[in-house]
C-alpha atoms as a PDB file:
ATOM      1  CA  MET A   1      35.417  54.595  28.769  1.00  0.00           C
ATOM      2  CA  THR A   2      38.413  52.831  27.215  1.00  0.00           C
ATOM      3  CA  ASP A   3      36.280  49.901  26.098  1.00  0.00           C
ATOM      4  CA  ALA A   4      33.725  52.282  24.556  1.00  0.00           C
ATOM      5  CA  VAL A   5      36.397  54.071  22.533  1.00  0.00           C
ATOM      6  CA  ALA A   6      37.848  50.754  21.358  1.00  0.00           C
ATOM      7  CA  ASN A   7      34.426  49.542  20.291  1.00  0.00           C
ATOM      8  CA  SER A   8      33.710  52.770  18.415  1.00  0.00           C
ATOM      9  CA  LEU A   9      36.982  52.505  16.473  1.00  0.00           C
ATOM     10  CA  ALA A  10      36.524  48.844  15.615  1.00  0.00           C
ATOM     11  CA  VAL A  11      35.202  48.162  12.147  1.00  0.00           C
ATOM     12  CA  ALA A  12      32.881  45.247  11.709  1.00  0.00           C
ATOM     13  CA  PRO A  13      33.736  42.919   8.818  1.00  0.00           C
ATOM     14  CA  SER A  14      30.338  43.572   7.233  1.00  0.00           C
ATOM     15  CA  GLN A  15      30.972  47.344   7.275  1.00  0.00           C
ATOM     16  CA  SER A  16      34.469  47.218   5.774  1.00  0.00           C
ATOM     17  CA  ALA A  17      35.152  49.314   2.678  1.00  0.00           C
ATOM     18  CA  PRO A  18      34.386  47.448  -0.550  1.00  0.00           C
ATOM     19  CA  THR A  19      37.416  46.300  -2.468  1.00  0.00           C
ATOM     20  CA  ALA A  20      38.056  47.943  -5.815  1.00  0.00           C
ATOM     21  CA  ARG A  21      36.821  45.847  -8.690  1.00  0.00           C
ATOM     22  CA  VAL A  22      39.644  44.930 -11.036  1.00  0.00           C
ATOM     23  CA  ARG A  23      38.578  45.574 -14.601  1.00  0.00           C
ATOM     24  CA  SER A  24      39.901  43.285 -17.315  1.00  0.00           C
ATOM     25  CA  TYR A  25      41.564  44.623 -20.429  1.00  0.00           C
ATOM     26  CA  TRP A  26      38.578  43.894 -22.651  1.00  0.00           C
ATOM     27  CA  GLY A  27      36.271  45.291 -19.996  1.00  0.00           C
ATOM     28  CA  GLY A  28      38.200  48.536 -20.168  1.00  0.00           C
ATOM     29  CA  VAL A  29      37.978  48.480 -23.971  1.00  0.00           C
ATOM     30  CA  TRP A  30      34.201  48.145 -23.823  1.00  0.00           C
ATOM     31  CA  GLN A  31      33.975  50.834 -21.129  1.00  0.00           C
ATOM     32  CA  ARG A  32      35.764  53.310 -23.410  1.00  0.00           C
ATOM     33  CA  LEU A  33      33.942  52.167 -26.528  1.00  0.00           C
ATOM     34  CA  ARG A  34      30.433  52.457 -25.089  1.00  0.00           C
ATOM     35  CA  TYR A  35      30.764  56.256 -24.860  1.00  0.00           C
ATOM     36  CA  ASP A  36      32.144  56.649 -28.394  1.00  0.00           C
ATOM     37  CA  TYR A  37      28.840  57.341 -30.133  1.00  0.00           C
ATOM     38  CA  VAL A  38      30.378  57.839 -33.588  1.00  0.00           C
ATOM     39  CA  THR A  39      31.983  54.400 -33.472  1.00  0.00           C
ATOM     40  CA  LEU A  40      28.809  52.804 -32.142  1.00  0.00           C
ATOM     41  CA  PHE A  41      26.778  54.427 -34.921  1.00  0.00           C
ATOM     42  CA  CYS A  42      29.239  53.154 -37.542  1.00  0.00           C
ATOM     43  CA  ILE A  43      29.145  49.661 -36.024  1.00  0.00           C
ATOM     44  CA  ALA A  44      25.342  49.728 -36.229  1.00  0.00           C
ATOM     45  CA  LEU A  45      25.574  50.935 -39.845  1.00  0.00           C
ATOM     46  CA  ILE A  46      27.977  48.128 -40.760  1.00  0.00           C
ATOM     47  CA  ILE A  47      25.700  45.574 -39.098  1.00  0.00           C
ATOM     48  CA  LEU A  48      22.780  46.973 -41.111  1.00  0.00           C
ATOM     49  CA  ILE A  49      24.765  46.725 -44.362  1.00  0.00           C
ATOM     50  CA  VAL A  50      25.859  43.172 -43.565  1.00  0.00           C
ATOM     51  CA  LEU A  51      22.319  42.076 -42.670  1.00  0.00           C
ATOM     52  CA  SER A  52      20.899  43.662 -45.824  1.00  0.00           C
ATOM     53  CA  ALA A  53      23.441  41.721 -47.878  1.00  0.00           C
ATOM     54  CA  VAL A  54      22.825  38.435 -46.056  1.00  0.00           C
ATOM     55  CA  PHE A  55      19.044  38.708 -46.392  1.00  0.00           C
ATOM     56  CA  ALA A  56      19.155  40.150 -49.914  1.00  0.00           C
ATOM     57  CA  PRO A  57      17.019  37.305 -51.387  1.00  0.00           C
ATOM     58  CA  TRP A  58      14.192  38.285 -49.032  1.00  0.00           C
ATOM     59  CA  LEU A  59      14.687  42.075 -49.141  1.00  0.00           C
ATOM     60  CA  ALA A  60      15.216  42.568 -52.874  1.00  0.00           C
ATOM     61  CA  PRO A  61      11.938  43.596 -54.536  1.00  0.00           C
ATOM     62  CA  PHE A  62      12.937  42.228 -57.971  1.00  0.00           C
ATOM     63  CA  ASP A  63      15.225  39.717 -59.590  1.00  0.00           C
ATOM     64  CA  PRO A  64      18.597  41.535 -59.803  1.00  0.00           C
ATOM     65  CA  TYR A  65      19.463  39.770 -63.090  1.00  0.00           C
ATOM     66  CA  LYS A  66      16.175  40.254 -64.939  1.00  0.00           C
ATOM     67  CA  SER A  67      16.509  42.971 -67.580  1.00  0.00           C
ATOM     68  CA  SER A  68      13.770  45.029 -69.202  1.00  0.00           C
ATOM     69  CA  MET A  69      14.533  47.205 -72.197  1.00  0.00           C
ATOM     70  CA  ALA A  70      11.286  49.085 -71.628  1.00  0.00           C
ATOM     71  CA  ASN A  71      12.530  50.299 -68.223  1.00  0.00           C
ATOM     72  CA  ARG A  72      16.121  51.275 -69.052  1.00  0.00           C
ATOM     73  CA  LEU A  73      17.686  54.053 -66.946  1.00  0.00           C
ATOM     74  CA  ARG A  74      14.599  54.988 -65.019  1.00  0.00           C
ATOM     75  CA  PRO A  75      15.167  57.758 -62.427  1.00  0.00           C
ATOM     76  CA  ILE A  76      15.091  57.349 -58.659  1.00  0.00           C
ATOM     77  CA  GLY A  77      11.540  56.890 -57.381  1.00  0.00           C
ATOM     78  CA  TYR A  78      10.082  55.895 -60.758  1.00  0.00           C
ATOM     79  CA  LYS A  79       6.954  53.849 -60.036  1.00  0.00           C
ATOM     80  CA  GLN A  80       7.988  50.659 -58.225  1.00  0.00           C
ATOM     81  CA  PHE A  81      11.726  51.213 -58.772  1.00  0.00           C
ATOM     82  CA  LEU A  82      12.820  52.937 -55.566  1.00  0.00           C
ATOM     83  CA  LEU A  83      16.415  53.575 -56.742  1.00  0.00           C
ATOM     84  CA  GLY A  84      15.722  53.525 -60.465  1.00  0.00           C
ATOM     85  CA  THR A  85      17.077  51.067 -63.013  1.00  0.00           C
ATOM     86  CA  ASP A  86      20.413  50.493 -64.744  1.00  0.00           C
ATOM     87  CA  GLU A  87      21.344  50.466 -68.426  1.00  0.00           C
ATOM     88  CA  GLN A  88      19.616  47.098 -68.920  1.00  0.00           C
ATOM     89  CA  GLY A  89      16.460  47.938 -66.986  1.00  0.00           C
ATOM     90  CA  ARG A  90      17.434  45.965 -63.887  1.00  0.00           C
ATOM     91  CA  ASP A  91      16.272  47.207 -60.495  1.00  0.00           C
ATOM     92  CA  MET A  92      19.089  49.149 -58.814  1.00  0.00           C
ATOM     93  CA  LEU A  93      17.943  48.460 -55.254  1.00  0.00           C
ATOM     94  CA  SER A  94      17.957  44.701 -55.840  1.00  0.00           C
ATOM     95  CA  ARG A  95      21.375  44.803 -57.494  1.00  0.00           C
ATOM     96  CA  LEU A  96      22.711  47.022 -54.716  1.00  0.00           C
ATOM     97  CA  LEU A  97      21.634  44.507 -52.074  1.00  0.00           C
ATOM     98  CA  TYR A  98      23.099  41.568 -53.973  1.00  0.00           C
ATOM     99  CA  GLY A  99      26.214  43.554 -54.851  1.00  0.00           C
ATOM    100  CA  GLY A 100      26.860  44.128 -51.166  1.00  0.00           C
ATOM    101  CA  ARG A 101      27.338  40.390 -50.717  1.00  0.00           C
ATOM    102  CA  VAL A 102      30.262  40.265 -53.149  1.00  0.00           C
ATOM    103  CA  SER A 103      31.790  43.569 -52.029  1.00  0.00           C
ATOM    104  CA  LEU A 104      31.667  42.687 -48.331  1.00  0.00           C
ATOM    105  CA  LEU A 105      33.002  39.220 -49.080  1.00  0.00           C
ATOM    106  CA  MET A 106      35.940  40.791 -50.926  1.00  0.00           C
ATOM    107  CA  GLY A 107      36.483  43.234 -48.095  1.00  0.00           C
ATOM    108  CA  ILE A 108      36.360  40.901 -45.094  1.00  0.00           C
ATOM    109  CA  VAL A 109      37.600  37.452 -46.183  1.00  0.00           C
ATOM    110  CA  PRO A 110      40.964  38.589 -47.666  1.00  0.00           C
ATOM    111  CA  VAL A 111      41.654  40.653 -44.527  1.00  0.00           C
ATOM    112  CA  ILE A 112      40.971  37.640 -42.296  1.00  0.00           C
ATOM    113  CA  LEU A 113      43.220  35.384 -44.381  1.00  0.00           C
ATOM    114  CA  ALA A 114      45.958  38.021 -44.581  1.00  0.00           C
ATOM    115  CA  THR A 115      45.765  38.632 -40.822  1.00  0.00           C
ATOM    116  CA  VAL A 116      46.240  34.943 -40.031  1.00  0.00           C
ATOM    117  CA  ILE A 117      49.036  34.370 -42.554  1.00  0.00           C
ATOM    118  CA  GLY A 118      50.790  37.716 -42.227  1.00  0.00           C
ATOM    119  CA  GLY A 119      50.408  37.745 -38.456  1.00  0.00           C
ATOM    120  CA  LEU A 120      52.037  34.332 -38.070  1.00  0.00           C
ATOM    121  CA  PHE A 121      54.912  35.254 -40.385  1.00  0.00           C
ATOM    122  CA  GLY A 122      55.410  38.537 -38.514  1.00  0.00           C
ATOM    123  CA  VAL A 123      55.398  36.901 -35.072  1.00  0.00           C
ATOM    124  CA  VAL A 124      57.917  34.258 -36.183  1.00  0.00           C
ATOM    125  CA  ALA A 125      60.161  36.870 -37.808  1.00  0.00           C
ATOM    126  CA  GLY A 126      60.018  39.192 -34.805  1.00  0.00           C
ATOM    127  CA  TYR A 127      60.608  36.479 -32.214  1.00  0.00           C
ATOM    128  CA  TYR A 128      63.469  34.577 -33.824  1.00  0.00           C
ATOM    129  CA  GLY A 129      65.179  37.569 -35.433  1.00  0.00           C
ATOM    130  CA  ARG A 130      68.475  37.350 -37.324  1.00  0.00           C
ATOM    131  CA  LYS A 131      68.368  35.057 -40.355  1.00  0.00           C
ATOM    132  CA  VAL A 132      64.699  34.139 -39.987  1.00  0.00           C
ATOM    133  CA  ASN A 133      63.748  37.796 -39.715  1.00  0.00           C
ATOM    134  CA  MET A 134      65.987  38.673 -42.635  1.00  0.00           C
ATOM    135  CA  GLY A 135      64.502  36.000 -44.886  1.00  0.00           C
ATOM    136  CA  ILE A 136      60.848  36.768 -44.126  1.00  0.00           C
ATOM    137  CA  MET A 137      61.013  40.564 -44.045  1.00  0.00           C
ATOM    138  CA  ARG A 138      63.200  40.903 -47.166  1.00  0.00           C
ATOM    139  CA  THR A 139      60.611  38.785 -48.996  1.00  0.00           C
ATOM    140  CA  MET A 140      57.896  41.164 -47.794  1.00  0.00           C
ATOM    141  CA  ASP A 141      59.991  44.131 -48.922  1.00  0.00           C
ATOM    142  CA  ILE A 142      59.771  42.815 -52.478  1.00  0.00           C
ATOM    143  CA  PHE A 143      55.998  43.272 -52.343  1.00  0.00           C
ATOM    144  CA  PHE A 144      56.412  46.660 -50.658  1.00  0.00           C
ATOM    145  CA  ALA A 145      58.386  47.823 -53.694  1.00  0.00           C
ATOM    146  CA  PHE A 146      55.132  48.018 -55.687  1.00  0.00           C
ATOM    147  CA  PRO A 147      52.107  50.225 -54.934  1.00  0.00           C
ATOM    148  CA  SER A 148      49.206  48.119 -53.689  1.00  0.00           C
ATOM    149  CA  VAL A 149      46.964  49.079 -56.617  1.00  0.00           C
ATOM    150  CA  LEU A 150      49.618  48.232 -59.207  1.00  0.00           C
ATOM    151  CA  LEU A 151      50.430  44.957 -57.448  1.00  0.00           C
ATOM    152  CA  ALA A 152      46.745  44.004 -57.325  1.00  0.00           C
ATOM    153  CA  VAL A 153      46.311  44.775 -61.019  1.00  0.00           C
ATOM    154  CA  ALA A 154      49.415  42.756 -61.925  1.00  0.00           C
ATOM    155  CA  ILE A 155      48.420  39.692 -59.879  1.00  0.00           C
ATOM    156  CA  SER A 156      44.783  39.821 -60.967  1.00  0.00           C
ATOM    157  CA  GLY A 157      45.803  40.218 -64.588  1.00  0.00           C
ATOM    158  CA  SER A 158      48.002  37.137 -64.300  1.00  0.00           C
ATOM    159  CA  LEU A 159      45.438  34.973 -62.513  1.00  0.00           C
ATOM    160  CA  GLY A 160      42.389  36.174 -64.405  1.00  0.00           C
ATOM    161  CA  GLY A 161      38.978  37.248 -63.181  1.00  0.00           C
ATOM    162  CA  GLY A 162      36.617  35.496 -60.818  1.00  0.00           C
ATOM    163  CA  ILE A 163      35.797  35.685 -57.135  1.00  0.00           C
ATOM    164  CA  THR A 164      38.396  33.120 -56.046  1.00  0.00           C
ATOM    165  CA  ASN A 165      41.246  34.747 -57.963  1.00  0.00           C
ATOM    166  CA  GLN A 166      40.212  38.178 -56.715  1.00  0.00           C
ATOM    167  CA  MET A 167      40.270  36.944 -53.117  1.00  0.00           C
ATOM    168  CA  LEU A 168      43.711  35.439 -53.638  1.00  0.00           C
ATOM    169  CA  THR A 169      44.955  38.686 -55.173  1.00  0.00           C
ATOM    170  CA  LEU A 170      43.738  40.830 -52.289  1.00  0.00           C
ATOM    171  CA  THR A 171      45.122  38.398 -49.717  1.00  0.00           C
ATOM    172  CA  VAL A 172      48.599  38.532 -51.262  1.00  0.00           C
ATOM    173  CA  VAL A 173      48.475  42.331 -51.388  1.00  0.00           C
ATOM    174  CA  LEU A 174      47.435  42.654 -47.720  1.00  0.00           C
ATOM    175  CA  ILE A 175      49.851  40.122 -46.185  1.00  0.00           C
ATOM    176  CA  PRO A 176      53.028  42.330 -46.249  1.00  0.00           C
ATOM    177  CA  PRO A 177      51.664  45.320 -44.253  1.00  0.00           C
ATOM    178  CA  ILE A 178      50.119  43.064 -41.600  1.00  0.00           C
ATOM    179  CA  CYS A 179      53.352  41.071 -41.386  1.00  0.00           C
ATOM    180  CA  ARG A 180      55.295  44.314 -40.848  1.00  0.00           C
ATOM    181  CA  VAL A 181      53.022  45.412 -37.980  1.00  0.00           C
ATOM    182  CA  ALA A 182      53.186  41.974 -36.320  1.00  0.00           C
ATOM    183  CA  GLU A 183      56.978  41.845 -36.666  1.00  0.00           C
ATOM    184  CA  THR A 184      57.422  45.301 -35.127  1.00  0.00           C
ATOM    185  CA  ALA A 185      55.103  44.519 -32.200  1.00  0.00           C
ATOM    186  CA  THR A 186      56.776  41.138 -31.582  1.00  0.00           C
ATOM    187  CA  SER A 187      60.257  42.696 -31.590  1.00  0.00           C
ATOM    188  CA  GLN A 188      59.114  44.999 -28.779  1.00  0.00           C
ATOM    189  CA  VAL A 189      57.514  42.205 -26.740  1.00  0.00           C
ATOM    190  CA  ARG A 190      60.098  39.413 -27.026  1.00  0.00           C
ATOM    191  CA  ASN A 191      62.611  41.035 -24.629  1.00  0.00           C
ATOM    192  CA  MET A 192      60.121  42.032 -21.937  1.00  0.00           C
ATOM    193  CA  ASP A 193      60.401  40.648 -18.416  1.00  0.00           C
ATOM    194  CA  PHE A 194      57.428  38.289 -18.577  1.00  0.00           C
ATOM    195  CA  VAL A 195      58.865  36.618 -21.705  1.00  0.00           C
ATOM    196  CA  ASP A 196      62.267  36.236 -20.031  1.00  0.00           C
ATOM    197  CA  ALA A 197      60.540  34.793 -16.976  1.00  0.00           C
ATOM    198  CA  ALA A 198      58.733  32.252 -19.167  1.00  0.00           C
ATOM    199  CA  ARG A 199      62.045  31.217 -20.731  1.00  0.00           C
ATOM    200  CA  ALA A 200      63.608  30.880 -17.269  1.00  0.00           C
ATOM    201  CA  THR A 201      60.854  28.506 -16.156  1.00  0.00           C
ATOM    202  CA  GLY A 202      61.655  26.229 -19.103  1.00  0.00           C
ATOM    203  CA  ALA A 203      58.577  27.004 -21.223  1.00  0.00           C
ATOM    204  CA  SER A 204      58.810  25.821 -24.802  1.00  0.00           C
ATOM    205  CA  THR A 205      59.118  28.236 -27.701  1.00  0.00           C
ATOM    206  CA  THR A 206      55.660  27.300 -28.953  1.00  0.00           C
ATOM    207  CA  SER A 207      54.165  27.954 -25.522  1.00  0.00           C
ATOM    208  CA  ILE A 208      55.872  31.337 -25.264  1.00  0.00           C
ATOM    209  CA  LEU A 209      54.741  32.365 -28.740  1.00  0.00           C
ATOM    210  CA  PHE A 210      51.082  31.458 -28.297  1.00  0.00           C
ATOM    211  CA  THR A 211      50.680  32.109 -24.558  1.00  0.00           C
ATOM    212  CA  HIS A 212      52.690  35.273 -24.035  1.00  0.00           C
ATOM    213  CA  VAL A 213      53.765  36.896 -27.299  1.00  0.00           C
ATOM    214  CA  LEU A 214      50.736  36.394 -29.527  1.00  0.00           C
ATOM    215  CA  ILE A 215      48.265  37.714 -26.951  1.00  0.00           C
ATOM    216  CA  ASN A 216      50.202  40.958 -26.550  1.00  0.00           C
ATOM    217  CA  VAL A 217      50.724  41.354 -30.296  1.00  0.00           C
ATOM    218  CA  MET A 218      47.091  40.659 -31.167  1.00  0.00           C
ATOM    219  CA  SER A 219      45.792  44.107 -30.197  1.00  0.00           C
ATOM    220  CA  PRO A 220      47.826  46.261 -32.640  1.00  0.00           C
ATOM    221  CA  VAL A 221      47.494  43.661 -35.400  1.00  0.00           C
ATOM    222  CA  LEU A 222      43.685  43.501 -35.112  1.00  0.00           C
ATOM    223  CA  VAL A 223      43.376  47.275 -34.994  1.00  0.00           C
ATOM    224  CA  TYR A 224      45.530  47.639 -38.083  1.00  0.00           C
ATOM    225  CA  ALA A 225      43.696  44.825 -39.873  1.00  0.00           C
ATOM    226  CA  SER A 226      40.382  46.595 -39.292  1.00  0.00           C
ATOM    227  CA  THR A 227      41.705  49.585 -41.247  1.00  0.00           C
ATOM    228  CA  LEU A 228      42.409  47.317 -44.224  1.00  0.00           C
ATOM    229  CA  VAL A 229      38.785  46.241 -44.704  1.00  0.00           C
ATOM    230  CA  SER A 230      37.877  49.516 -46.393  1.00  0.00           C
ATOM    231  CA  ILE A 231      41.042  49.366 -48.498  1.00  0.00           C
ATOM    232  CA  SER A 232      40.184  45.823 -49.568  1.00  0.00           C
ATOM    233  CA  ILE A 233      36.665  46.883 -50.574  1.00  0.00           C
ATOM    234  CA  ILE A 234      38.033  49.779 -52.619  1.00  0.00           C
ATOM    235  CA  LEU A 235      40.691  47.592 -54.279  1.00  0.00           C
ATOM    236  CA  ALA A 236      38.125  44.920 -55.120  1.00  0.00           C
ATOM    237  CA  SER A 237      35.767  47.547 -56.561  1.00  0.00           C
ATOM    238  CA  GLY A 238      38.622  49.020 -58.556  1.00  0.00           C
ATOM    239  CA  LEU A 239      39.538  45.631 -60.020  1.00  0.00           C
ATOM    240  CA  SER A 240      35.912  45.030 -60.982  1.00  0.00           C
ATOM    241  CA  PHE A 241      35.731  48.521 -62.466  1.00  0.00           C
ATOM    242  CA  LEU A 242      38.759  47.695 -64.656  1.00  0.00           C
ATOM    243  CA  GLY A 243      37.267  44.361 -65.694  1.00  0.00           C
ATOM    244  CA  LEU A 244      39.740  42.300 -63.634  1.00  0.00           C
ATOM    245  CA  GLY A 245      37.313  41.232 -60.922  1.00  0.00           C
ATOM    246  CA  VAL A 246      34.002  39.433 -61.080  1.00  0.00           C
ATOM    247  CA  SER A 247      32.457  38.977 -64.487  1.00  0.00           C
ATOM    248  CA  PRO A 248      29.012  40.182 -65.636  1.00  0.00           C
ATOM    249  CA  PRO A 249      26.174  39.769 -64.884  1.00  0.00           C
ATOM    250  CA  THR A 250      27.266  39.254 -61.258  1.00  0.00           C
ATOM    251  CA  ALA A 251      26.043  42.085 -59.047  1.00  0.00           C
ATOM    252  CA  ASP A 252      29.070  43.895 -57.625  1.00  0.00           C
ATOM    253  CA  TRP A 253      29.372  47.544 -56.638  1.00  0.00           C
ATOM    254  CA  GLY A 254      32.552  48.092 -58.624  1.00  0.00           C
ATOM    255  CA  LEU A 255      31.181  46.342 -61.700  1.00  0.00           C
ATOM    256  CA  MET A 256      27.916  48.299 -61.417  1.00  0.00           C
ATOM    257  CA  LEU A 257      29.905  51.528 -61.296  1.00  0.00           C
ATOM    258  CA  SER A 258      31.806  50.471 -64.404  1.00  0.00           C
ATOM    259  CA  THR A 259      28.746  49.555 -66.473  1.00  0.00           C
ATOM    260  CA  LEU A 260      26.914  52.753 -65.476  1.00  0.00           C
ATOM    261  CA  ARG A 261      29.756  55.157 -66.257  1.00  0.00           C
ATOM    262  CA  GLN A 262      28.475  55.645 -69.805  1.00  0.00           C
ATOM    263  CA  SER A 263      25.064  56.632 -68.437  1.00  0.00           C
ATOM    264  CA  ILE A 264      26.314  59.351 -66.119  1.00  0.00           C
ATOM    265  CA  TYR A 265      25.019  62.127 -68.383  1.00  0.00           C
ATOM    266  CA  VAL A 266      21.600  60.498 -68.706  1.00  0.00           C
ATOM    267  CA  GLN A 267      20.978  59.477 -65.071  1.00  0.00           C
ATOM    268  CA  PRO A 268      23.791  60.903 -62.911  1.00  0.00           C
ATOM    269  CA  LEU A 269      22.095  60.100 -59.606  1.00  0.00           C
ATOM    270  CA  VAL A 270      21.445  56.478 -60.531  1.00  0.00           C
ATOM    271  CA  SER A 271      25.011  56.115 -61.816  1.00  0.00           C
ATOM    272  CA  ALA A 272      26.399  57.419 -58.524  1.00  0.00           C
ATOM    273  CA  ILE A 273      24.511  54.974 -56.280  1.00  0.00           C
ATOM    274  CA  PRO A 274      27.172  52.178 -56.315  1.00  0.00           C
ATOM    275  CA  GLY A 275      29.896  54.754 -55.657  1.00  0.00           C
ATOM    276  CA  VAL A 276      27.961  56.123 -52.693  1.00  0.00           C
ATOM    277  CA  ALA A 277      27.585  52.597 -51.301  1.00  0.00           C
ATOM    278  CA  ILE A 278      31.348  52.036 -51.576  1.00  0.00           C
ATOM    279  CA  LEU A 279      32.081  55.424 -49.993  1.00  0.00           C
ATOM    280  CA  VAL A 280      29.689  55.004 -47.054  1.00  0.00           C
ATOM    281  CA  THR A 281      30.865  51.462 -46.296  1.00  0.00           C
ATOM    282  CA  SER A 282      34.542  52.422 -46.488  1.00  0.00           C
ATOM    283  CA  ILE A 283      34.107  55.458 -44.222  1.00  0.00           C
ATOM    284  CA  ALA A 284      32.151  53.371 -41.705  1.00  0.00           C
ATOM    285  CA  PHE A 285      34.910  50.766 -41.493  1.00  0.00           C
ATOM    286  CA  ASN A 286      37.568  53.481 -41.191  1.00  0.00           C
ATOM    287  CA  LEU A 287      35.754  55.224 -38.340  1.00  0.00           C
ATOM    288  CA  VAL A 288      35.226  51.912 -36.550  1.00  0.00           C
ATOM    289  CA  SER A 289      38.932  51.120 -36.830  1.00  0.00           C
ATOM    290  CA  ASP A 290      39.806  54.552 -35.401  1.00  0.00           C
ATOM    291  CA  GLY A 291      37.414  53.990 -32.516  1.00  0.00           C
ATOM    292  CA  LEU A 292      38.835  50.540 -31.813  1.00  0.00           C
ATOM    293  CA  ARG A 293      42.383  51.916 -31.862  1.00  0.00           C
ATOM    294  CA  GLN A 294      41.508  54.530 -29.245  1.00  0.00           C
ATOM    295  CA  ALA A 295      39.517  52.077 -27.126  1.00  0.00           C
ATOM    296  CA  MET A 296      42.273  49.448 -27.170  1.00  0.00           C
ATOM    297  CA  ASP A 297      44.944  51.976 -26.244  1.00  0.00           C
ATOM    298  CA  VAL A 298      45.668  51.315 -22.577  1.00  0.00           C
ATOM    299  CA  LYS A 299      46.812  54.890 -22.095  1.00  0.00           C
ATOM    300  CA  ALA A 300      43.486  56.244 -23.412  1.00  0.00           C
END
């Protein structure tokens, strides 16, 4: 009887309870993000906008730079012009597709450059502190003294128009806020136990910065940087609207909005198309950034 009871209580190795699967940080992010249908829809919308801009030469039904005085300001759905024509008779759909290339370029590239430059400055300032922090952050405070729109107008007016100068302008405007976020996050991380343990083992400063600090600072910096894409698109469109961005006849949403403003009483719907494109793209990027912030929050 005793042997029978012992055998019944024994657990065979093959029947042991399965061990809990440890989920990685990014696995947890995806697990939370996959049920956020609004964010997933906005990601799909952004992918669609990006693909339409990349494949614009194959998707555009007409030459976006070919004008026709006989077809000026045609309404939406007029014959073969699905979205009508502009003040020079150019197809709006074709110009909208080509304009997305410049607008997305101005929205994404400056944010990437500002994230790399501002993030590195912020990490260095937050880790070393004292005089290094004082020098870097007081320099950033000079840029913070001006509103971003006014600063962009001032820099763009000094450099002149063109895609390269506009990219440089937006990068300079976006570096200070990213640097501030990186500096704040680094100041919180540098005194944590795992950083002290790395110092105690004799790890070099470079190793600590890139192996321990930067990885933990990356999450808030990337989330914040994603919110700046929409701001960069709006700033770039505003500069083009004021004549400080790309020059005609380049297809750009802001420039299209500027050239069509005099036709708003003739074809209001056609004149509003570039503005709608800017609005939809900006809202999509904002909602994606909100979804990423919630998904990357460990406490979520």
